[in-house]
Amino acid sequence: MFSELALTSFLPRWAIDDDALLEVFFETSMPSQETQPLFDVARRLRMGLCLGYGELAHEGGQRRRFNSSALIGPDGGSIDGYRKLQLPGDREP
């Protein structure tokens, strides 16, 4: 099991006001090009994984950010996912 938001340097050590800079910390698909190797290793080792990551979703014409987890099966496929609405940090430092 990977820790919460394992692919990022969260909690950020500074406020990020530019959405383009902030969004590099978020995945728009799972698996992505960057995370596919983890799925491949799970399949090769026949091992399940739980991967915590920052998710950027486009829903109803809005961008939404989630603190998400992906459950990866021993076949390297996605079993399920979980989204939390709260993200670490806020506008207030």
PDB file of N, CA and C in Angstrom:
ATOM      1  N   MET A   1       0.850  -1.173   0.000  1.00  0.00           N
ATOM      2  CA  MET A   1       0.000   0.000   0.000  1.00  0.00           C
ATOM      3  C   MET A   1       0.894   1.233   0.000  1.00  0.00           C
ATOM      4  N   PHE A   2       0.658   2.101  -0.963  1.00  0.00           N
ATOM      5  CA  PHE A   2       1.382   3.359  -1.039  1.00  0.00           C
ATOM      6  C   PHE A   2       0.670   4.394  -0.167  1.00  0.00           C
ATOM      7  N   SER A   3       1.416   5.345   0.327  1.00  0.00           N
ATOM      8  CA  SER A   3       0.831   6.365   1.197  1.00  0.00           C
ATOM      9  C   SER A   3      -0.087   7.294   0.414  1.00  0.00           C
ATOM     10  N   GLU A   4      -0.835   8.053   1.157  1.00  0.00           N
ATOM     11  CA  GLU A   4      -1.742   9.031   0.573  1.00  0.00           C
ATOM     12  C   GLU A   4      -0.950  10.003  -0.301  1.00  0.00           C
ATOM     13  N   LEU A   5      -1.451  10.256  -1.509  1.00  0.00           N
ATOM     14  CA  LEU A   5      -0.827  11.183  -2.451  1.00  0.00           C
ATOM     15  C   LEU A   5       0.646  10.844  -2.673  1.00  0.00           C
ATOM     16  N   ALA A   6       0.914   9.556  -2.834  1.00  0.00           N
ATOM     17  CA  ALA A   6       2.279   9.041  -2.908  1.00  0.00           C
ATOM     18  C   ALA A   6       3.073   9.572  -4.099  1.00  0.00           C
ATOM     19  N   LEU A   7       2.418   9.981  -5.153  1.00  0.00           N
ATOM     20  CA  LEU A   7       3.119  10.405  -6.365  1.00  0.00           C
ATOM     21  C   LEU A   7       3.466  11.892  -6.366  1.00  0.00           C
ATOM     22  N   THR A   8       3.111  12.594  -5.311  1.00  0.00           N
ATOM     23  CA  THR A   8       3.322  14.033  -5.271  1.00  0.00           C
ATOM     24  C   THR A   8       4.257  14.399  -4.126  1.00  0.00           C
ATOM     25  N   SER A   9       4.582  15.659  -4.050  1.00  0.00           N
ATOM     26  CA  SER A   9       5.340  16.152  -2.902  1.00  0.00           C
ATOM     27  C   SER A   9       4.403  16.794  -1.891  1.00  0.00           C
ATOM     28  N   PHE A  10       3.125  16.434  -1.960  1.00  0.00           N
ATOM     29  CA  PHE A  10       2.165  16.986  -1.005  1.00  0.00           C
ATOM     30  C   PHE A  10       2.579  16.586   0.377  1.00  0.00           C
ATOM     31  N   LEU A  11       2.351  17.346   1.324  1.00  0.00           N
ATOM     32  CA  LEU A  11       1.744  18.654   1.313  1.00  0.00           C
ATOM     33  C   LEU A  11       2.697  19.662   0.680  1.00  0.00           C
ATOM     34  N   PRO A  12       2.165  20.535  -0.195  1.00  0.00           N
ATOM     35  CA  PRO A  12       3.052  21.547  -0.768  1.00  0.00           C
ATOM     36  C   PRO A  12       3.640  22.419   0.330  1.00  0.00           C
ATOM     37  N   ARG A  13       4.815  22.838   0.106  1.00  0.00           N
ATOM     38  CA  ARG A  13       5.499  23.666   1.092  1.00  0.00           C
ATOM     39  C   ARG A  13       5.269  25.154   0.825  1.00  0.00           C
ATOM     40  N   TRP A  14       4.448  25.456  -0.153  1.00  0.00           N
ATOM     41  CA  TRP A  14       4.151  26.828  -0.506  1.00  0.00           C
ATOM     42  C   TRP A  14       2.780  26.851  -1.177  1.00  0.00           C
ATOM     43  N   ALA A  15       2.176  28.031  -1.227  1.00  0.00           N
ATOM     44  CA  ALA A  15       0.884  28.195  -1.890  1.00  0.00           C
ATOM     45  C   ALA A  15       1.106  28.232  -3.398  1.00  0.00           C
ATOM     46  N   ILE A  16       0.271  27.518  -4.129  1.00  0.00           N
ATOM     47  CA  ILE A  16       0.346  27.505  -5.596  1.00  0.00           C
ATOM     48  C   ILE A  16      -0.947  28.114  -6.113  1.00  0.00           C
ATOM     49  N   ASP A  17      -0.854  29.295  -6.651  1.00  0.00           N
ATOM     50  CA  ASP A  17      -2.039  30.000  -7.135  1.00  0.00           C
ATOM     51  C   ASP A  17      -2.304  29.783  -8.618  1.00  0.00           C
ATOM     52  N   ASP A  18      -1.325  29.299  -9.352  1.00  0.00           N
ATOM     53  CA  ASP A  18      -1.450  29.082 -10.793  1.00  0.00           C
ATOM     54  C   ASP A  18      -1.951  27.657 -11.038  1.00  0.00           C
ATOM     55  N   ASP A  19      -3.172  27.523 -11.591  1.00  0.00           N
ATOM     56  CA  ASP A  19      -3.753  26.192 -11.830  1.00  0.00           C
ATOM     57  C   ASP A  19      -2.860  25.313 -12.697  1.00  0.00           C
ATOM     58  N   ALA A  20      -2.208  25.884 -13.682  1.00  0.00           N
ATOM     59  CA  ALA A  20      -1.341  25.091 -14.569  1.00  0.00           C
ATOM     60  C   ALA A  20      -0.174  24.492 -13.781  1.00  0.00           C
ATOM     61  N   LEU A  21       0.389  25.246 -12.854  1.00  0.00           N
ATOM     62  CA  LEU A  21       1.470  24.718 -12.022  1.00  0.00           C
ATOM     63  C   LEU A  21       0.956  23.678 -11.034  1.00  0.00           C
ATOM     64  N   LEU A  22      -0.215  23.918 -10.486  1.00  0.00           N
ATOM     65  CA  LEU A  22      -0.802  22.999  -9.509  1.00  0.00           C
ATOM     66  C   LEU A  22      -1.164  21.663 -10.143  1.00  0.00           C
ATOM     67  N   GLU A  23      -1.669  21.699 -11.360  1.00  0.00           N
ATOM     68  CA  GLU A  23      -2.198  20.480 -11.977  1.00  0.00           C
ATOM     69  C   GLU A  23      -1.131  19.457 -12.355  1.00  0.00           C
ATOM     70  N   VAL A  24       0.143  19.828 -12.349  1.00  0.00           N
ATOM     71  CA  VAL A  24       1.174  18.826 -12.623  1.00  0.00           C
ATOM     72  C   VAL A  24       1.250  17.789 -11.499  1.00  0.00           C
ATOM     73  N   PHE A  25       0.667  18.097 -10.342  1.00  0.00           N
ATOM     74  CA  PHE A  25       0.657  17.160  -9.222  1.00  0.00           C
ATOM     75  C   PHE A  25      -0.491  16.156  -9.309  1.00  0.00           C
ATOM     76  N   PHE A  26      -1.356  16.270 -10.309  1.00  0.00           N
ATOM     77  CA  PHE A  26      -2.568  15.453 -10.398  1.00  0.00           C
ATOM     78  C   PHE A  26      -2.559  14.574 -11.640  1.00  0.00           C
ATOM     79  N   GLU A  27      -3.147  13.394 -11.506  1.00  0.00           N
ATOM     80  CA  GLU A  27      -3.312  12.462 -12.624  1.00  0.00           C
ATOM     81  C   GLU A  27      -4.689  12.693 -13.240  1.00  0.00           C
ATOM     82  N   THR A  28      -4.771  12.643 -14.566  1.00  0.00           N
ATOM     83  CA  THR A  28      -6.060  12.793 -15.240  1.00  0.00           C
ATOM     84  C   THR A  28      -6.632  11.446 -15.674  1.00  0.00           C
ATOM     85  N   SER A  29      -5.824  10.401 -15.594  1.00  0.00           N
ATOM     86  CA  SER A  29      -6.302   9.046 -15.878  1.00  0.00           C
ATOM     87  C   SER A  29      -5.490   8.069 -15.042  1.00  0.00           C
ATOM     88  N   MET A  30      -6.071   6.910 -14.826  1.00  0.00           N
ATOM     89  CA  MET A  30      -5.383   5.890 -14.048  1.00  0.00           C
ATOM     90  C   MET A  30      -5.674   4.545 -14.696  1.00  0.00           C
ATOM     91  N   PRO A  31      -4.673   3.835 -15.215  1.00  0.00           N
ATOM     92  CA  PRO A  31      -3.282   4.235 -15.174  1.00  0.00           C
ATOM     93  C   PRO A  31      -2.989   5.315 -16.209  1.00  0.00           C
ATOM     94  N   SER A  32      -1.953   6.060 -15.922  1.00  0.00           N
ATOM     95  CA  SER A  32      -1.439   7.053 -16.857  1.00  0.00           C
ATOM     96  C   SER A  32      -0.136   6.510 -17.432  1.00  0.00           C
ATOM     97  N   GLN A  33       0.441   7.251 -18.330  1.00  0.00           N
ATOM     98  CA  GLN A  33       1.733   6.839 -18.886  1.00  0.00           C
ATOM     99  C   GLN A  33       2.762   6.681 -17.767  1.00  0.00           C
ATOM    100  N   GLU A  34       2.707   7.566 -16.785  1.00  0.00           N
ATOM    101  CA  GLU A  34       3.676   7.530 -15.693  1.00  0.00           C
ATOM    102  C   GLU A  34       3.418   6.399 -14.704  1.00  0.00           C
ATOM    103  N   THR A  35       2.145   6.032 -14.501  1.00  0.00           N
ATOM    104  CA  THR A  35       1.819   5.013 -13.498  1.00  0.00           C
ATOM    105  C   THR A  35       1.660   3.612 -14.079  1.00  0.00           C
ATOM    106  N   GLN A  36       1.599   3.487 -15.381  1.00  0.00           N
ATOM    107  CA  GLN A  36       1.442   2.169 -16.004  1.00  0.00           C
ATOM    108  C   GLN A  36       2.500   1.163 -15.532  1.00  0.00           C
ATOM    109  N   PRO A  37       3.768   1.584 -15.328  1.00  0.00           N
ATOM    110  CA  PRO A  37       4.762   0.622 -14.839  1.00  0.00           C
ATOM    111  C   PRO A  37       4.376  -0.030 -13.503  1.00  0.00           C
ATOM    112  N   LEU A  38       3.675   0.691 -12.621  1.00  0.00           N
ATOM    113  CA  LEU A  38       3.221   0.090 -11.368  1.00  0.00           C
ATOM    114  C   LEU A  38       2.191  -1.004 -11.624  1.00  0.00           C
ATOM    115  N   PHE A  39       1.291  -0.766 -12.566  1.00  0.00           N
ATOM    116  CA  PHE A  39       0.298  -1.774 -12.937  1.00  0.00           C
ATOM    117  C   PHE A  39       0.999  -2.995 -13.549  1.00  0.00           C
ATOM    118  N   ASP A  40       2.007  -2.745 -14.354  1.00  0.00           N
ATOM    119  CA  ASP A  40       2.755  -3.841 -14.987  1.00  0.00           C
ATOM    120  C   ASP A  40       3.486  -4.698 -13.958  1.00  0.00           C
ATOM    121  N   VAL A  41       4.091  -4.045 -12.967  1.00  0.00           N
ATOM    122  CA  VAL A  41       4.798  -4.784 -11.914  1.00  0.00           C
ATOM    123  C   VAL A  41       3.803  -5.594 -11.078  1.00  0.00           C
ATOM    124  N   ALA A  42       2.652  -5.023 -10.776  1.00  0.00           N
ATOM    125  CA  ALA A  42       1.626  -5.770 -10.035  1.00  0.00           C
ATOM    126  C   ALA A  42       1.264  -7.047 -10.784  1.00  0.00           C
ATOM    127  N   ARG A  43       1.074  -6.936 -12.089  1.00  0.00           N
ATOM    128  CA  ARG A  43       0.733  -8.114 -12.893  1.00  0.00           C
ATOM    129  C   ARG A  43       1.889  -9.116 -12.905  1.00  0.00           C
ATOM    130  N   ARG A  44       3.089  -8.632 -13.095  1.00  0.00           N
ATOM    131  CA  ARG A  44       4.252  -9.524 -13.164  1.00  0.00           C
ATOM    132  C   ARG A  44       4.475 -10.265 -11.845  1.00  0.00           C
ATOM    133  N   LEU A  45       4.285  -9.567 -10.725  1.00  0.00           N
ATOM    134  CA  LEU A  45       4.504 -10.170  -9.415  1.00  0.00           C
ATOM    135  C   LEU A  45       3.242 -10.827  -8.838  1.00  0.00           C
ATOM    136  N   ARG A  46       2.115 -10.669  -9.571  1.00  0.00           N
ATOM    137  CA  ARG A  46       0.822 -11.180  -9.106  1.00  0.00           C
ATOM    138  C   ARG A  46       0.509 -10.656  -7.710  1.00  0.00           C
ATOM    139  N   MET A  47       0.604  -9.344  -7.616  1.00  0.00           N
ATOM    140  CA  MET A  47       0.464  -8.664  -6.333  1.00  0.00           C
ATOM    141  C   MET A  47      -0.519  -7.505  -6.478  1.00  0.00           C
ATOM    142  N   GLY A  48      -1.434  -7.372  -5.548  1.00  0.00           N
ATOM    143  CA  GLY A  48      -2.343  -6.241  -5.544  1.00  0.00           C
ATOM    144  C   GLY A  48      -1.675  -5.023  -4.933  1.00  0.00           C
ATOM    145  N   LEU A  49      -2.105  -3.835  -5.358  1.00  0.00           N
ATOM    146  CA  LEU A  49      -1.568  -2.569  -4.851  1.00  0.00           C
ATOM    147  C   LEU A  49      -2.711  -1.621  -4.533  1.00  0.00           C
ATOM    148  N   CYS A  50      -2.474  -0.777  -3.569  1.00  0.00           N
ATOM    149  CA  CYS A  50      -3.349   0.364  -3.320  1.00  0.00           C
ATOM    150  C   CYS A  50      -2.484   1.596  -3.509  1.00  0.00           C
ATOM    151  N   LEU A  51      -2.846   2.432  -4.458  1.00  0.00           N
ATOM    152  CA  LEU A  51      -2.035   3.585  -4.841  1.00  0.00           C
ATOM    153  C   LEU A  51      -2.795   4.870  -4.545  1.00  0.00           C
ATOM    154  N   GLY A  52      -2.249   5.681  -3.631  1.00  0.00           N
ATOM    155  CA  GLY A  52      -2.836   6.981  -3.334  1.00  0.00           C
ATOM    156  C   GLY A  52      -2.289   8.027  -4.298  1.00  0.00           C
ATOM    157  N   TYR A  53      -3.159   8.849  -4.858  1.00  0.00           N
ATOM    158  CA  TYR A  53      -2.717   9.835  -5.849  1.00  0.00           C
ATOM    159  C   TYR A  53      -3.654  11.028  -5.885  1.00  0.00           C
ATOM    160  N   GLY A  54      -3.189  12.123  -6.444  1.00  0.00           N
ATOM    161  CA  GLY A  54      -4.023  13.287  -6.684  1.00  0.00           C
ATOM    162  C   GLY A  54      -4.707  13.123  -8.029  1.00  0.00           C
ATOM    163  N   GLU A  55      -6.036  13.214  -8.032  1.00  0.00           N
ATOM    164  CA  GLU A  55      -6.814  13.016  -9.262  1.00  0.00           C
ATOM    165  C   GLU A  55      -7.428  14.334  -9.710  1.00  0.00           C
ATOM    166  N   LEU A  56      -7.278  14.630 -10.988  1.00  0.00           N
ATOM    167  CA  LEU A  56      -7.936  15.779 -11.606  1.00  0.00           C
ATOM    168  C   LEU A  56      -9.005  15.227 -12.538  1.00  0.00           C
ATOM    169  N   ALA A  57     -10.264  15.542 -12.229  1.00  0.00           N
ATOM    170  CA  ALA A  57     -11.385  15.039 -13.026  1.00  0.00           C
ATOM    171  C   ALA A  57     -12.109  16.208 -13.676  1.00  0.00           C
ATOM    172  N   HIS A  58     -12.644  15.955 -14.851  1.00  0.00           N
ATOM    173  CA  HIS A  58     -13.476  16.930 -15.547  1.00  0.00           C
ATOM    174  C   HIS A  58     -14.891  16.361 -15.540  1.00  0.00           C
ATOM    175  N   GLU A  59     -15.762  16.990 -14.748  1.00  0.00           N
ATOM    176  CA  GLU A  59     -17.126  16.499 -14.582  1.00  0.00           C
ATOM    177  C   GLU A  59     -18.108  17.661 -14.663  1.00  0.00           C
ATOM    178  N   GLY A  60     -19.101  17.502 -15.493  1.00  0.00           N
ATOM    179  CA  GLY A  60     -20.116  18.538 -15.617  1.00  0.00           C
ATOM    180  C   GLY A  60     -19.559  19.898 -15.993  1.00  0.00           C
ATOM    181  N   GLY A  61     -18.516  19.903 -16.824  1.00  0.00           N
ATOM    182  CA  GLY A  61     -17.914  21.150 -17.258  1.00  0.00           C
ATOM    183  C   GLY A  61     -17.019  21.808 -16.214  1.00  0.00           C
ATOM    184  N   GLN A  62     -16.736  21.108 -15.127  1.00  0.00           N
ATOM    185  CA  GLN A  62     -15.885  21.663 -14.077  1.00  0.00           C
ATOM    186  C   GLN A  62     -14.664  20.784 -13.855  1.00  0.00           C
ATOM    187  N   ARG A  63     -13.576  21.423 -13.458  1.00  0.00           N
ATOM    188  CA  ARG A  63     -12.389  20.681 -13.004  1.00  0.00           C
ATOM    189  C   ARG A  63     -12.544  20.433 -11.522  1.00  0.00           C
ATOM    190  N   ARG A  64     -12.345  19.185 -11.115  1.00  0.00           N
ATOM    191  CA  ARG A  64     -12.426  18.843  -9.693  1.00  0.00           C
ATOM    192  C   ARG A  64     -11.178  18.072  -9.310  1.00  0.00           C
ATOM    193  N   ARG A  65     -10.654  18.374  -8.144  1.00  0.00           N
ATOM    194  CA  ARG A  65      -9.458  17.696  -7.640  1.00  0.00           C
ATOM    195  C   ARG A  65      -9.849  16.808  -6.469  1.00  0.00           C
ATOM    196  N   PHE A  66      -9.274  15.619  -6.450  1.00  0.00           N
ATOM    197  CA  PHE A  66      -9.558  14.660  -5.400  1.00  0.00           C
ATOM    198  C   PHE A  66      -8.269  14.069  -4.853  1.00  0.00           C
ATOM    199  N   ASN A  67      -8.311  13.675  -3.614  1.00  0.00           N
ATOM    200  CA  ASN A  67      -7.299  12.856  -2.981  1.00  0.00           C
ATOM    201  C   ASN A  67      -7.822  11.427  -3.155  1.00  0.00           C
ATOM    202  N   SER A  68      -7.318  10.690  -4.134  1.00  0.00           N
ATOM    203  CA  SER A  68      -7.901   9.416  -4.542  1.00  0.00           C
ATOM    204  C   SER A  68      -6.985   8.235  -4.238  1.00  0.00           C
ATOM    205  N   SER A  69      -7.587   7.070  -4.256  1.00  0.00           N
ATOM    206  CA  SER A  69      -6.849   5.809  -4.149  1.00  0.00           C
ATOM    207  C   SER A  69      -7.349   4.880  -5.236  1.00  0.00           C
ATOM    208  N   ALA A  70      -6.427   4.158  -5.847  1.00  0.00           N
ATOM    209  CA  ALA A  70      -6.770   3.141  -6.842  1.00  0.00           C
ATOM    210  C   ALA A  70      -6.391   1.785  -6.267  1.00  0.00           C
ATOM    211  N   LEU A  71      -7.301   0.844  -6.344  1.00  0.00           N
ATOM    212  CA  LEU A  71      -7.022  -0.519  -5.933  1.00  0.00           C
ATOM    213  C   LEU A  71      -6.718  -1.319  -7.191  1.00  0.00           C
ATOM    214  N   ILE A  72      -5.496  -1.851  -7.258  1.00  0.00           N
ATOM    215  CA  ILE A  72      -4.997  -2.558  -8.432  1.00  0.00           C
ATOM    216  C   ILE A  72      -4.900  -4.031  -8.083  1.00  0.00           C
ATOM    217  N   GLY A  73      -5.491  -4.877  -8.921  1.00  0.00           N
ATOM    218  CA  GLY A  73      -5.510  -6.309  -8.665  1.00  0.00           C
ATOM    219  C   GLY A  73      -4.235  -7.001  -9.103  1.00  0.00           C
ATOM    220  N   PRO A  74      -4.080  -8.262  -8.705  1.00  0.00           N
ATOM    221  CA  PRO A  74      -2.885  -9.020  -9.062  1.00  0.00           C
ATOM    222  C   PRO A  74      -2.756  -9.306 -10.556  1.00  0.00           C
ATOM    223  N   ASP A  75      -3.811  -9.013 -11.314  1.00  0.00           N
ATOM    224  CA  ASP A  75      -3.727  -9.147 -12.768  1.00  0.00           C
ATOM    225  C   ASP A  75      -3.290  -7.840 -13.423  1.00  0.00           C
ATOM    226  N   GLY A  76      -3.007  -6.805 -12.596  1.00  0.00           N
ATOM    227  CA  GLY A  76      -2.583  -5.511 -13.112  1.00  0.00           C
ATOM    228  C   GLY A  76      -3.734  -4.629 -13.545  1.00  0.00           C
ATOM    229  N   GLY A  77      -4.958  -5.054 -13.295  1.00  0.00           N
ATOM    230  CA  GLY A  77      -6.127  -4.262 -13.667  1.00  0.00           C
ATOM    231  C   GLY A  77      -6.685  -3.493 -12.484  1.00  0.00           C
ATOM    232  N   SER A  78      -7.440  -2.445 -12.780  1.00  0.00           N
ATOM    233  CA  SER A  78      -8.080  -1.659 -11.724  1.00  0.00           C
ATOM    234  C   SER A  78      -9.268  -2.427 -11.177  1.00  0.00           C
ATOM    235  N   ILE A  79      -9.339  -2.507  -9.862  1.00  0.00           N
ATOM    236  CA  ILE A  79     -10.474  -3.147  -9.210  1.00  0.00           C
ATOM    237  C   ILE A  79     -11.508  -2.094  -8.837  1.00  0.00           C
ATOM    238  N   ASP A  80     -11.040  -1.024  -8.219  1.00  0.00           N
ATOM    239  CA  ASP A  80     -11.955   0.014  -7.771  1.00  0.00           C
ATOM    240  C   ASP A  80     -11.145   1.250  -7.410  1.00  0.00           C
ATOM    241  N   GLY A  81     -11.842   2.308  -7.083  1.00  0.00           N
ATOM    242  CA  GLY A  81     -11.199   3.537  -6.670  1.00  0.00           C
ATOM    243  C   GLY A  81     -11.994   4.196  -5.565  1.00  0.00           C
ATOM    244  N   TYR A  82     -11.358   5.133  -4.903  1.00  0.00           N
ATOM    245  CA  TYR A  82     -11.992   5.859  -3.808  1.00  0.00           C
ATOM    246  C   TYR A  82     -11.562   7.309  -3.912  1.00  0.00           C
ATOM    247  N   ARG A  83     -12.513   8.216  -3.723  1.00  0.00           N
ATOM    248  CA  ARG A  83     -12.217   9.645  -3.778  1.00  0.00           C
ATOM    249  C   ARG A  83     -12.579  10.302  -2.454  1.00  0.00           C
ATOM    250  N   LYS A  84     -11.657  11.116  -1.954  1.00  0.00           N
ATOM    251  CA  LYS A  84     -11.963  11.994  -0.836  1.00  0.00           C
ATOM    252  C   LYS A  84     -12.076  13.397  -1.417  1.00  0.00           C
ATOM    253  N   LEU A  85     -12.980  14.159  -0.909  1.00  0.00           N
ATOM    254  CA  LEU A  85     -13.155  15.521  -1.415  1.00  0.00           C
ATOM    255  C   LEU A  85     -12.138  16.482  -0.845  1.00  0.00           C
ATOM    256  N   GLN A  86     -11.715  16.251   0.386  1.00  0.00           N
ATOM    257  CA  GLN A  86     -10.779  17.187   0.979  1.00  0.00           C
ATOM    258  C   GLN A  86      -9.366  16.878   0.522  1.00  0.00           C
ATOM    259  N   LEU A  87      -8.650  17.917   0.243  1.00  0.00           N
ATOM    260  CA  LEU A  87      -7.231  17.827  -0.104  1.00  0.00           C
ATOM    261  C   LEU A  87      -6.435  18.493   1.002  1.00  0.00           C
ATOM    262  N   PRO A  88      -5.226  18.041   1.226  1.00  0.00           N
ATOM    263  CA  PRO A  88      -4.403  18.714   2.236  1.00  0.00           C
ATOM    264  C   PRO A  88      -4.181  20.174   1.864  1.00  0.00           C
ATOM    265  N   GLY A  89      -4.177  21.005   2.865  1.00  0.00           N
ATOM    266  CA  GLY A  89      -3.924  22.425   2.628  1.00  0.00           C
ATOM    267  C   GLY A  89      -5.185  23.189   2.304  1.00  0.00           C
ATOM    268  N   ASP A  90      -5.028  24.483   2.185  1.00  0.00           N
ATOM    269  CA  ASP A  90      -6.139  25.375   1.920  1.00  0.00           C
ATOM    270  C   ASP A  90      -5.553  26.680   1.425  1.00  0.00           C
ATOM    271  N   ARG A  91      -6.382  27.642   1.189  1.00  0.00           N
ATOM    272  CA  ARG A  91      -5.914  28.948   0.775  1.00  0.00           C
ATOM    273  C   ARG A  91      -5.131  29.626   1.893  1.00  0.00           C
ATOM    274  N   GLU A  92      -5.528  29.342   3.129  1.00  0.00           N
ATOM    275  CA  GLU A  92      -4.820  29.907   4.277  1.00  0.00           C
ATOM    276  C   GLU A  92      -3.552  29.114   4.525  1.00  0.00           C
ATOM    277  N   PRO A  93      -2.398  29.746   4.533  1.00  0.00           N
ATOM    278  CA  PRO A  93      -1.154  29.005   4.814  1.00  0.00           C
ATOM    279  C   PRO A  93      -1.143  28.433   6.223  1.00  0.00           C
TER     280      PRO A  93
END
